[in-house]
Amino acid sequence: MRTYFLASILVISALLAHAQASNTISEATVRRVLTTLAADDMQGRAPGQPGGLKAAEFLANEFRRIGLQPLPG
């Protein structure tokens, strides 16, 4: 549960940072991200489990989509 909460905060923070750069963030975008992460097919999102790996891949794709770059190192 804590991992899901932290991941949600991270995604929302990234979306808000992107929104500040583009001056837009829609309710639909926030709803899409949260609905996806809360979906039953994420299987609880436990680390190392299929649902957790699926959630991590979704988050990585979202970060790429909004142009976030990995930190060096």
Protein backbone atom coordinates (compact mmCIF):
# COMPACT_ATOMS: atom_id res chain seq x y z
CA MET A 1 0.00 0.00 0.00
CA ARG A 2 2.81 2.40 0.87
CA THR A 3 4.52 1.67 -2.46
CA TYR A 4 1.31 2.44 -4.36
CA PHE A 5 0.86 5.68 -2.44
CA LEU A 6 4.44 6.78 -3.10
CA ALA A 7 4.20 5.83 -6.78
CA SER A 8 0.95 7.78 -7.10
CA ILE A 9 2.52 10.84 -5.49
CA LEU A 10 5.50 10.54 -7.83
CA VAL A 11 3.30 10.27 -10.93
CA ILE A 12 1.08 13.14 -9.88
CA SER A 13 4.16 15.26 -9.11
CA ALA A 14 5.61 14.48 -12.53
CA LEU A 15 2.32 15.31 -14.21
CA LEU A 16 2.10 18.59 -12.30
CA ALA A 17 5.68 19.48 -13.23
CA HIS A 18 4.84 18.77 -16.86
CA ALA A 19 1.67 20.82 -16.52
CA GLN A 20 3.62 23.79 -15.22
CA ALA A 21 5.87 23.63 -18.25
CA SER A 22 2.95 23.38 -20.65
CA ASN A 23 0.44 25.25 -18.45
CA THR A 24 -2.12 22.45 -18.80
CA ILE A 25 -3.11 19.32 -16.99
CA SER A 26 -6.48 17.81 -17.46
CA GLU A 27 -8.71 16.01 -15.04
CA ALA A 28 -8.89 13.27 -17.66
CA THR A 29 -5.12 12.74 -17.50
CA VAL A 30 -5.07 12.46 -13.72
CA ARG A 31 -8.09 10.17 -13.81
CA ARG A 32 -6.48 7.97 -16.50
CA VAL A 33 -3.25 7.54 -14.53
CA LEU A 34 -4.94 6.84 -11.20
CA THR A 35 -7.52 4.52 -12.75
CA THR A 36 -4.78 2.56 -14.50
CA LEU A 37 -2.71 2.18 -11.34
CA ALA A 38 -5.76 1.20 -9.27
CA ALA A 39 -7.06 -1.33 -11.81
CA ASP A 40 -7.56 -4.94 -10.74
CA ASP A 41 -5.18 -6.17 -13.44
CA MET A 42 -2.32 -4.46 -11.59
CA GLN A 43 -2.77 -7.30 -9.05
CA GLY A 44 -1.93 -5.22 -6.01
CA ARG A 45 1.30 -3.79 -7.48
CA ALA A 46 3.56 -5.64 -5.01
CA PRO A 47 7.28 -5.26 -5.76
CA GLY A 48 8.68 -8.16 -7.77
CA GLN A 49 5.21 -9.44 -8.64
CA PRO A 50 3.62 -9.25 -12.12
CA GLY A 51 1.33 -6.38 -11.07
CA GLY A 52 4.22 -4.40 -9.62
CA LEU A 53 6.27 -4.89 -12.75
CA LYS A 54 3.31 -3.86 -14.90
CA ALA A 55 2.80 -0.72 -12.79
CA ALA A 56 6.51 0.13 -13.02
CA GLU A 57 6.41 -0.22 -16.81
CA PHE A 58 3.31 1.99 -16.98
CA LEU A 59 5.03 4.66 -14.87
CA ALA A 60 8.20 4.47 -16.98
CA ASN A 61 6.12 4.93 -20.14
CA GLU A 62 4.30 7.90 -18.60
CA PHE A 63 7.61 9.52 -17.65
CA ARG A 64 8.94 9.02 -21.20
CA ARG A 65 5.70 10.36 -22.64
CA ILE A 66 6.04 13.65 -20.76
CA GLY A 67 9.74 13.92 -21.53
CA LEU A 68 11.32 13.17 -18.16
CA GLN A 69 14.95 12.11 -18.40
CA PRO A 70 16.77 9.80 -15.98
CA LEU A 71 19.22 11.43 -13.61
CA PRO A 72 22.87 10.94 -14.56
CA GLY A 73 24.72 8.16 -12.79
